[in-house]
Protein backbone atom coordinates (compact mmCIF):
# COMPACT_ATOMS: atom_id res chain seq x y z
CA UNK A 1 0.08 -0.08 -0.04
CA UNK A 2 1.44 3.26 -1.03
CA UNK A 3 1.75 5.98 1.86
CA UNK A 4 -0.01 9.28 1.33
CA UNK A 5 1.82 12.24 0.67
CA UNK A 6 1.48 15.80 2.63
CA UNK A 7 -0.21 18.50 0.81
CA UNK A 8 1.29 21.09 -1.12
CA UNK A 9 0.31 23.71 1.37
CA UNK A 10 1.95 21.92 4.16
CA UNK A 11 4.95 21.46 2.08
CA UNK A 12 5.41 25.07 1.63
CA UNK A 13 4.61 25.85 5.24
CA UNK A 14 7.40 23.25 6.47
CA UNK A 15 9.98 24.86 4.12
CA UNK A 16 9.25 28.36 4.90
CA UNK A 17 9.36 27.58 8.55
CA UNK A 18 12.72 25.74 8.34
CA UNK A 19 14.14 28.55 6.49
CA UNK A 20 13.16 31.12 8.91
CA UNK A 21 14.99 29.15 11.55
CA UNK A 22 17.98 28.49 9.49
CA UNK A 23 18.43 31.74 7.70
CA UNK A 24 17.09 34.20 10.55
CA UNK A 25 14.79 35.89 8.15
CA UNK A 26 11.09 36.41 8.07
CA UNK A 27 10.96 36.91 4.46
CA UNK A 28 10.93 33.53 2.40
CA UNK A 29 9.63 33.63 -1.10
CA UNK A 30 8.55 30.25 -2.66
CA UNK A 31 8.54 30.27 -6.47
CA UNK A 32 8.14 26.66 -7.41
CA UNK A 33 6.79 23.17 -5.70
CA UNK A 34 6.92 20.05 -7.59
CA UNK A 35 6.36 16.38 -6.50
CA UNK A 36 8.66 13.71 -7.89
CA UNK A 37 7.90 10.26 -7.05
CA UNK A 38 8.69 9.99 -3.22
CA UNK A 39 10.05 13.59 -2.74
CA UNK A 40 8.78 17.29 -3.02
CA UNK A 41 11.35 19.81 -4.23
CA UNK A 42 10.70 23.35 -3.26
CA UNK A 43 12.69 26.41 -4.98
CA UNK A 44 12.65 29.94 -4.19
CA UNK A 45 14.83 32.90 -2.65
CA UNK A 46 15.36 34.76 0.55
CA UNK A 47 17.44 37.51 1.63
CA UNK A 48 20.58 37.20 3.58
CA UNK A 49 23.22 39.60 5.08
CA UNK A 50 26.83 39.25 4.10
CA UNK A 51 29.03 41.60 6.25
CA UNK A 52 26.27 44.22 6.41
CA UNK A 53 25.22 43.96 2.92
CA UNK A 54 21.86 42.51 1.54
CA UNK A 55 22.01 39.77 -0.82
CA UNK A 56 19.50 37.37 -2.50
CA UNK A 57 20.10 33.55 -2.10
CA UNK A 58 18.34 31.09 -3.99
CA UNK A 59 17.45 27.71 -2.31
CA UNK A 60 16.19 24.41 -3.11
CA UNK A 61 14.92 22.02 -0.24
CA UNK A 62 14.09 18.45 -0.79
CA UNK A 63 11.31 16.90 1.45
CA UNK A 64 10.47 13.18 1.88
CA UNK A 65 6.74 12.33 1.46
CA UNK A 66 6.26 12.66 5.44
CA UNK A 67 7.55 16.30 5.28
CA UNK A 68 10.87 15.63 6.52
CA UNK A 69 13.86 17.88 5.01
CA UNK A 70 16.16 15.47 3.20
CA UNK A 71 18.65 18.32 1.80
CA UNK A 72 18.93 22.02 1.22
CA UNK A 73 21.03 23.72 -1.18
CA UNK A 74 21.73 27.33 -1.23
CA UNK A 75 23.50 29.66 -3.99
CA UNK A 76 24.14 33.56 -4.32
CA UNK A 77 21.80 35.34 -6.82
């Protein structure tokens, strides 16, 4: 029996809360959410502060079907 996946809204909420804690920001912009087989892939941007200068950073977070973070990748824009 295949396990039910969490909803798209729940996936977005999990990722936003994860990034708020990890990046110490309240502004997380999710631009893409896709489900591939047994994982969710969420992409977007969030601001960061590098030595007093604001920068934008893109992210890609992968969740399993239960909503646990499996990986997170970040890169400056």
